[in-house]
Amino acid sequence: MEHKGFTLWFTGLSGSGKSTVGTIIEKRLRDAGAKVEVLDGDVVRTNLSKGLGFSKEDRDTNIRRIGFVCNLLSRNGVIAISAAISPYQAIRDEIRAQHENFFEVYAECDLDKLVERDVKGLYKKAIAGEIKNFTGISDPYEAPENPEATFNSGEETAEESADKVWAKLVEAGLITP
């Protein structure tokens, strides 16, 4: 497979399938011989953004750091996959502007479905007011205005979602099967 470096940026609420679909795409890319790195929001928070809280300023800082690393990787021929909530449109636009090849994927899912399959019980706690600054409940989530791809994890399987994203990557000329 021929490819150039690019950033594949998954955004969506907690539990919407960003990491799940990102992992499927990562495996397909690796199987095709591509150089790939995944920057998962939780992993980055532990290693690159330790000490940051969940205020808007701290969230923005965390997302900017992820974007910076993705840009370093992608401009050096690596496909960088980000799977972080990244709730604010303005910050995603800022990161997009820094990248030569930026591909945004919106992981859409109804709140009812997210609550239903929430194994950690975070949504129930947030709805009950036990967790403050929870994106999509007590903190805003701004859905992308013009993502390059969208999938709905409440209505399709992870494989179907990955197929949609893959087809859009091919269509955009970022990967050549």
C-alpha atoms as a PDB file:
ATOM      1  CA  MET A   1       0.000   0.000   0.000  1.00  0.00           C
ATOM      2  CA  GLU A   2       1.246   3.451  -0.867  1.00  0.00           C
ATOM      3  CA  HIS A   3       0.420   6.240   1.507  1.00  0.00           C
ATOM      4  CA  LYS A   4       1.584   9.572   2.767  1.00  0.00           C
ATOM      5  CA  GLY A   5       1.523  10.661   6.370  1.00  0.00           C
ATOM      6  CA  PHE A   6      -1.753  12.064   7.583  1.00  0.00           C
ATOM      7  CA  THR A   7      -3.733  12.571  10.768  1.00  0.00           C
ATOM      8  CA  LEU A   8      -6.886  10.540  11.237  1.00  0.00           C
ATOM      9  CA  TRP A   9      -8.781  12.439  13.943  1.00  0.00           C
ATOM     10  CA  PHE A  10     -11.683  10.647  15.625  1.00  0.00           C
ATOM     11  CA  THR A  11     -14.033  12.848  17.656  1.00  0.00           C
ATOM     12  CA  GLY A  12     -17.209  11.964  19.524  1.00  0.00           C
ATOM     13  CA  LEU A  13     -18.648  11.458  22.962  1.00  0.00           C
ATOM     14  CA  SER A  14     -17.240   8.987  25.484  1.00  0.00           C
ATOM     15  CA  GLY A  15     -18.203   5.462  24.409  1.00  0.00           C
ATOM     16  CA  SER A  16     -19.132   6.437  20.852  1.00  0.00           C
ATOM     17  CA  GLY A  17     -16.677   4.015  19.218  1.00  0.00           C
ATOM     18  CA  LYS A  18     -13.691   6.250  18.461  1.00  0.00           C
ATOM     19  CA  SER A  19     -11.073   3.864  19.855  1.00  0.00           C
ATOM     20  CA  THR A  20     -12.865   0.727  18.672  1.00  0.00           C
ATOM     21  CA  VAL A  21     -13.103   1.851  15.045  1.00  0.00           C
ATOM     22  CA  GLY A  22      -9.665   3.484  15.238  1.00  0.00           C
ATOM     23  CA  THR A  23      -8.176   0.136  16.314  1.00  0.00           C
ATOM     24  CA  ILE A  24      -9.776  -1.662  13.359  1.00  0.00           C
ATOM     25  CA  ILE A  25      -8.392   0.969  10.945  1.00  0.00           C
ATOM     26  CA  GLU A  26      -4.984   0.777  12.641  1.00  0.00           C
ATOM     27  CA  LYS A  27      -4.851  -3.004  12.162  1.00  0.00           C
ATOM     28  CA  ARG A  28      -5.841  -2.733   8.488  1.00  0.00           C
ATOM     29  CA  LEU A  29      -3.170  -0.086   7.901  1.00  0.00           C
ATOM     30  CA  ARG A  30      -0.474  -2.097   9.704  1.00  0.00           C
ATOM     31  CA  ASP A  31      -1.460  -5.245   7.810  1.00  0.00           C
ATOM     32  CA  ALA A  32      -0.953  -3.236   4.617  1.00  0.00           C
ATOM     33  CA  GLY A  33       2.550  -2.222   5.745  1.00  0.00           C
ATOM     34  CA  ALA A  34       1.838   1.364   6.817  1.00  0.00           C
ATOM     35  CA  LYS A  35       3.608   3.122   9.677  1.00  0.00           C
ATOM     36  CA  VAL A  36       0.904   3.968  12.219  1.00  0.00           C
ATOM     37  CA  GLU A  37       0.798   5.485  15.703  1.00  0.00           C
ATOM     38  CA  VAL A  38      -2.328   5.800  17.847  1.00  0.00           C
ATOM     39  CA  LEU A  39      -2.792   8.612  20.343  1.00  0.00           C
ATOM     40  CA  ASP A  40      -5.659   7.535  22.588  1.00  0.00           C
ATOM     41  CA  GLY A  41      -7.076  10.268  24.808  1.00  0.00           C
ATOM     42  CA  ASP A  42      -6.785   8.266  28.048  1.00  0.00           C
ATOM     43  CA  VAL A  43      -3.225   7.113  27.305  1.00  0.00           C
ATOM     44  CA  VAL A  44      -2.102  10.652  26.418  1.00  0.00           C
ATOM     45  CA  ARG A  45      -3.644  12.011  29.632  1.00  0.00           C
ATOM     46  CA  THR A  46      -1.592   9.515  31.648  1.00  0.00           C
ATOM     47  CA  ASN A  47       1.725  10.082  29.845  1.00  0.00           C
ATOM     48  CA  LEU A  48       1.830  13.412  28.004  1.00  0.00           C
ATOM     49  CA  SER A  49      -0.736  15.477  29.875  1.00  0.00           C
ATOM     50  CA  LYS A  50      -0.381  14.244  33.450  1.00  0.00           C
ATOM     51  CA  GLY A  51      -1.615  16.848  35.898  1.00  0.00           C
ATOM     52  CA  LEU A  52      -4.215  18.384  33.603  1.00  0.00           C
ATOM     53  CA  GLY A  53      -7.782  18.485  34.856  1.00  0.00           C
ATOM     54  CA  PHE A  54     -11.036  18.734  32.926  1.00  0.00           C
ATOM     55  CA  SER A  55     -11.546  22.499  32.785  1.00  0.00           C
ATOM     56  CA  LYS A  56     -12.031  23.904  29.285  1.00  0.00           C
ATOM     57  CA  GLU A  57      -8.469  25.301  29.371  1.00  0.00           C
ATOM     58  CA  ASP A  58      -6.963  21.943  30.412  1.00  0.00           C
ATOM     59  CA  ARG A  59      -9.007  20.038  27.819  1.00  0.00           C
ATOM     60  CA  ASP A  60      -7.870  22.466  25.130  1.00  0.00           C
ATOM     61  CA  THR A  61      -4.228  22.048  26.224  1.00  0.00           C
ATOM     62  CA  ASN A  62      -4.557  18.265  26.114  1.00  0.00           C
ATOM     63  CA  ILE A  63      -6.072  18.324  22.613  1.00  0.00           C
ATOM     64  CA  ARG A  64      -3.443  20.793  21.369  1.00  0.00           C
ATOM     65  CA  ARG A  65      -0.708  18.434  22.629  1.00  0.00           C
ATOM     66  CA  ILE A  66      -2.281  15.500  20.814  1.00  0.00           C
ATOM     67  CA  GLY A  67      -2.569  17.619  17.665  1.00  0.00           C
ATOM     68  CA  PHE A  68       1.070  18.707  17.924  1.00  0.00           C
ATOM     69  CA  VAL A  69       2.317  15.116  18.201  1.00  0.00           C
ATOM     70  CA  CYS A  70       0.031  13.994  15.354  1.00  0.00           C
ATOM     71  CA  ASN A  71       1.436  16.762  13.166  1.00  0.00           C
ATOM     72  CA  LEU A  72       5.044  15.747  13.955  1.00  0.00           C
ATOM     73  CA  LEU A  73       4.266  12.145  13.063  1.00  0.00           C
ATOM     74  CA  SER A  74       2.212  12.809   9.937  1.00  0.00           C
ATOM     75  CA  ARG A  75       4.711  15.205   8.369  1.00  0.00           C
ATOM     76  CA  ASN A  76       7.296  12.420   8.763  1.00  0.00           C
ATOM     77  CA  GLY A  77       5.283   9.857   6.818  1.00  0.00           C
ATOM     78  CA  VAL A  78       3.447   8.234   9.728  1.00  0.00           C
ATOM     79  CA  ILE A  79      -0.317   7.854   9.864  1.00  0.00           C
ATOM     80  CA  ALA A  80      -1.284   9.354  13.230  1.00  0.00           C
ATOM     81  CA  ILE A  81      -4.620   8.232  14.642  1.00  0.00           C
ATOM     82  CA  SER A  82      -6.144  10.330  17.426  1.00  0.00           C
ATOM     83  CA  ALA A  83      -9.059   8.959  19.446  1.00  0.00           C
ATOM     84  CA  ALA A  84      -9.917  11.710  21.913  1.00  0.00           C
ATOM     85  CA  ILE A  85     -13.275  13.310  22.627  1.00  0.00           C
ATOM     86  CA  SER A  86     -11.958  16.743  21.504  1.00  0.00           C
ATOM     87  CA  PRO A  87     -15.277  18.449  22.264  1.00  0.00           C
ATOM     88  CA  TYR A  88     -14.666  21.942  20.873  1.00  0.00           C
ATOM     89  CA  GLN A  89     -14.931  22.836  17.175  1.00  0.00           C
ATOM     90  CA  ALA A  90     -12.564  25.820  17.455  1.00  0.00           C
ATOM     91  CA  ILE A  91      -9.707  23.677  18.780  1.00  0.00           C
ATOM     92  CA  ARG A  92     -10.286  20.990  16.138  1.00  0.00           C
ATOM     93  CA  ASP A  93     -10.223  23.731  13.477  1.00  0.00           C
ATOM     94  CA  GLU A  94      -6.991  25.107  14.955  1.00  0.00           C
ATOM     95  CA  ILE A  95      -5.384  21.656  14.768  1.00  0.00           C
ATOM     96  CA  ARG A  96      -6.693  21.087  11.240  1.00  0.00           C
ATOM     97  CA  ALA A  97      -5.024  24.344  10.134  1.00  0.00           C
ATOM     98  CA  GLN A  98      -1.640  23.054  11.375  1.00  0.00           C
ATOM     99  CA  HIS A  99      -1.798  19.856   9.326  1.00  0.00           C
ATOM    100  CA  GLU A 100      -1.121  19.273   5.660  1.00  0.00           C
ATOM    101  CA  ASN A 101      -3.356  16.184   5.654  1.00  0.00           C
ATOM    102  CA  PHE A 102      -6.082  16.142   8.302  1.00  0.00           C
ATOM    103  CA  PHE A 103      -9.016  13.723   8.133  1.00  0.00           C
ATOM    104  CA  GLU A 104     -11.742  14.195  10.729  1.00  0.00           C
ATOM    105  CA  VAL A 105     -14.098  11.340  11.631  1.00  0.00           C
ATOM    106  CA  TYR A 106     -17.219  11.942  13.689  1.00  0.00           C
ATOM    107  CA  ALA A 107     -18.247   8.999  15.866  1.00  0.00           C
ATOM    108  CA  GLU A 108     -21.930   9.704  16.292  1.00  0.00           C
ATOM    109  CA  CYS A 109     -24.161   7.912  18.813  1.00  0.00           C
ATOM    110  CA  ASP A 110     -27.419   8.757  20.585  1.00  0.00           C
ATOM    111  CA  LEU A 111     -27.088   9.561  24.273  1.00  0.00           C
ATOM    112  CA  ASP A 112     -29.630   6.853  25.180  1.00  0.00           C
ATOM    113  CA  LYS A 113     -27.436   4.219  23.497  1.00  0.00           C
ATOM    114  CA  LEU A 114     -24.294   5.574  25.204  1.00  0.00           C
ATOM    115  CA  VAL A 115     -25.966   5.377  28.613  1.00  0.00           C
ATOM    116  CA  GLU A 116     -27.282   1.874  27.842  1.00  0.00           C
ATOM    117  CA  ARG A 117     -23.869   0.419  26.994  1.00  0.00           C
ATOM    118  CA  ASP A 118     -21.815   2.418  29.521  1.00  0.00           C
ATOM    119  CA  VAL A 119     -19.954  -0.351  31.366  1.00  0.00           C
ATOM    120  CA  LYS A 120     -18.244   2.058  33.794  1.00  0.00           C
ATOM    121  CA  GLY A 121     -21.520   3.787  34.730  1.00  0.00           C
ATOM    122  CA  LEU A 122     -20.008   7.205  34.021  1.00  0.00           C
ATOM    123  CA  TYR A 123     -23.055   8.600  32.203  1.00  0.00           C
ATOM    124  CA  LYS A 124     -25.407   7.598  35.031  1.00  0.00           C
ATOM    125  CA  LYS A 125     -23.089   9.275  37.553  1.00  0.00           C
ATOM    126  CA  ALA A 126     -22.808  12.401  35.388  1.00  0.00           C
ATOM    127  CA  ILE A 127     -26.583  12.592  34.907  1.00  0.00           C
ATOM    128  CA  ALA A 128     -26.988  12.236  38.694  1.00  0.00           C
ATOM    129  CA  GLY A 129     -24.545  15.126  39.176  1.00  0.00           C
ATOM    130  CA  GLU A 130     -21.866  12.929  40.757  1.00  0.00           C
ATOM    131  CA  ILE A 131     -19.322  13.700  38.010  1.00  0.00           C
ATOM    132  CA  LYS A 132     -18.762  17.352  37.125  1.00  0.00           C
ATOM    133  CA  ASN A 133     -17.619  18.622  33.693  1.00  0.00           C
ATOM    134  CA  PHE A 134     -18.719  15.456  31.883  1.00  0.00           C
ATOM    135  CA  THR A 135     -18.770  16.031  28.125  1.00  0.00           C
ATOM    136  CA  GLY A 136     -22.232  15.669  26.641  1.00  0.00           C
ATOM    137  CA  ILE A 137     -23.977  15.985  30.021  1.00  0.00           C
ATOM    138  CA  SER A 138     -22.699  18.932  32.096  1.00  0.00           C
ATOM    139  CA  ASP A 139     -20.084  20.103  29.586  1.00  0.00           C
ATOM    140  CA  PRO A 140     -20.730  20.859  25.910  1.00  0.00           C
ATOM    141  CA  TYR A 141     -19.801  18.688  22.949  1.00  0.00           C
ATOM    142  CA  GLU A 142     -19.748  20.464  19.593  1.00  0.00           C
ATOM    143  CA  ALA A 143     -20.301  17.990  16.770  1.00  0.00           C
ATOM    144  CA  PRO A 144     -18.091  18.580  13.718  1.00  0.00           C
ATOM    145  CA  GLU A 145     -19.573  20.833  11.061  1.00  0.00           C
ATOM    146  CA  ASN A 146     -17.915  19.173   8.052  1.00  0.00           C
ATOM    147  CA  PRO A 147     -16.128  15.950   8.977  1.00  0.00           C
ATOM    148  CA  GLU A 148     -14.537  13.943   6.181  1.00  0.00           C
ATOM    149  CA  ALA A 149     -16.364  10.840   7.470  1.00  0.00           C
ATOM    150  CA  THR A 150     -19.143  10.020   9.935  1.00  0.00           C
ATOM    151  CA  PHE A 151     -20.343   6.752  11.400  1.00  0.00           C
ATOM    152  CA  ASN A 152     -23.094   5.960  13.867  1.00  0.00           C
ATOM    153  CA  SER A 153     -22.035   3.290  16.334  1.00  0.00           C
ATOM    154  CA  GLY A 154     -25.565   3.002  17.666  1.00  0.00           C
ATOM    155  CA  GLU A 155     -26.862   1.883  14.280  1.00  0.00           C
ATOM    156  CA  GLU A 156     -23.992  -0.110  12.743  1.00  0.00           C
ATOM    157  CA  THR A 157     -21.312  -2.582  13.752  1.00  0.00           C
ATOM    158  CA  ALA A 158     -17.735  -1.476  14.358  1.00  0.00           C
ATOM    159  CA  GLU A 159     -16.684  -3.288  11.162  1.00  0.00           C
ATOM    160  CA  GLU A 160     -19.361  -1.451   9.130  1.00  0.00           C
ATOM    161  CA  SER A 161     -18.183   1.844  10.624  1.00  0.00           C
ATOM    162  CA  ALA A 162     -14.551   1.010   9.805  1.00  0.00           C
ATOM    163  CA  ASP A 163     -15.566   0.111   6.239  1.00  0.00           C
ATOM    164  CA  LYS A 164     -17.203   3.552   5.859  1.00  0.00           C
ATOM    165  CA  VAL A 165     -14.110   5.354   7.146  1.00  0.00           C
ATOM    166  CA  TRP A 166     -11.794   3.210   4.983  1.00  0.00           C
ATOM    167  CA  ALA A 167     -13.830   3.969   1.847  1.00  0.00           C
ATOM    168  CA  LYS A 168     -13.641   7.709   2.584  1.00  0.00           C
ATOM    169  CA  LEU A 169      -9.857   7.503   3.100  1.00  0.00           C
ATOM    170  CA  VAL A 170      -9.502   5.805  -0.296  1.00  0.00           C
ATOM    171  CA  GLU A 171     -11.853   8.369  -1.889  1.00  0.00           C
ATOM    172  CA  ALA A 172      -9.756  11.200  -0.397  1.00  0.00           C
ATOM    173  CA  GLY A 173      -6.592   9.669  -1.905  1.00  0.00           C
ATOM    174  CA  LEU A 174      -4.907   9.252   1.496  1.00  0.00           C
ATOM    175  CA  ILE A 175      -4.587   5.497   1.077  1.00  0.00           C
ATOM    176  CA  THR A 176      -4.328   3.406  -2.034  1.00  0.00           C
ATOM    177  CA  PRO A 177      -5.531  -0.151  -1.559  1.00  0.00           C
END
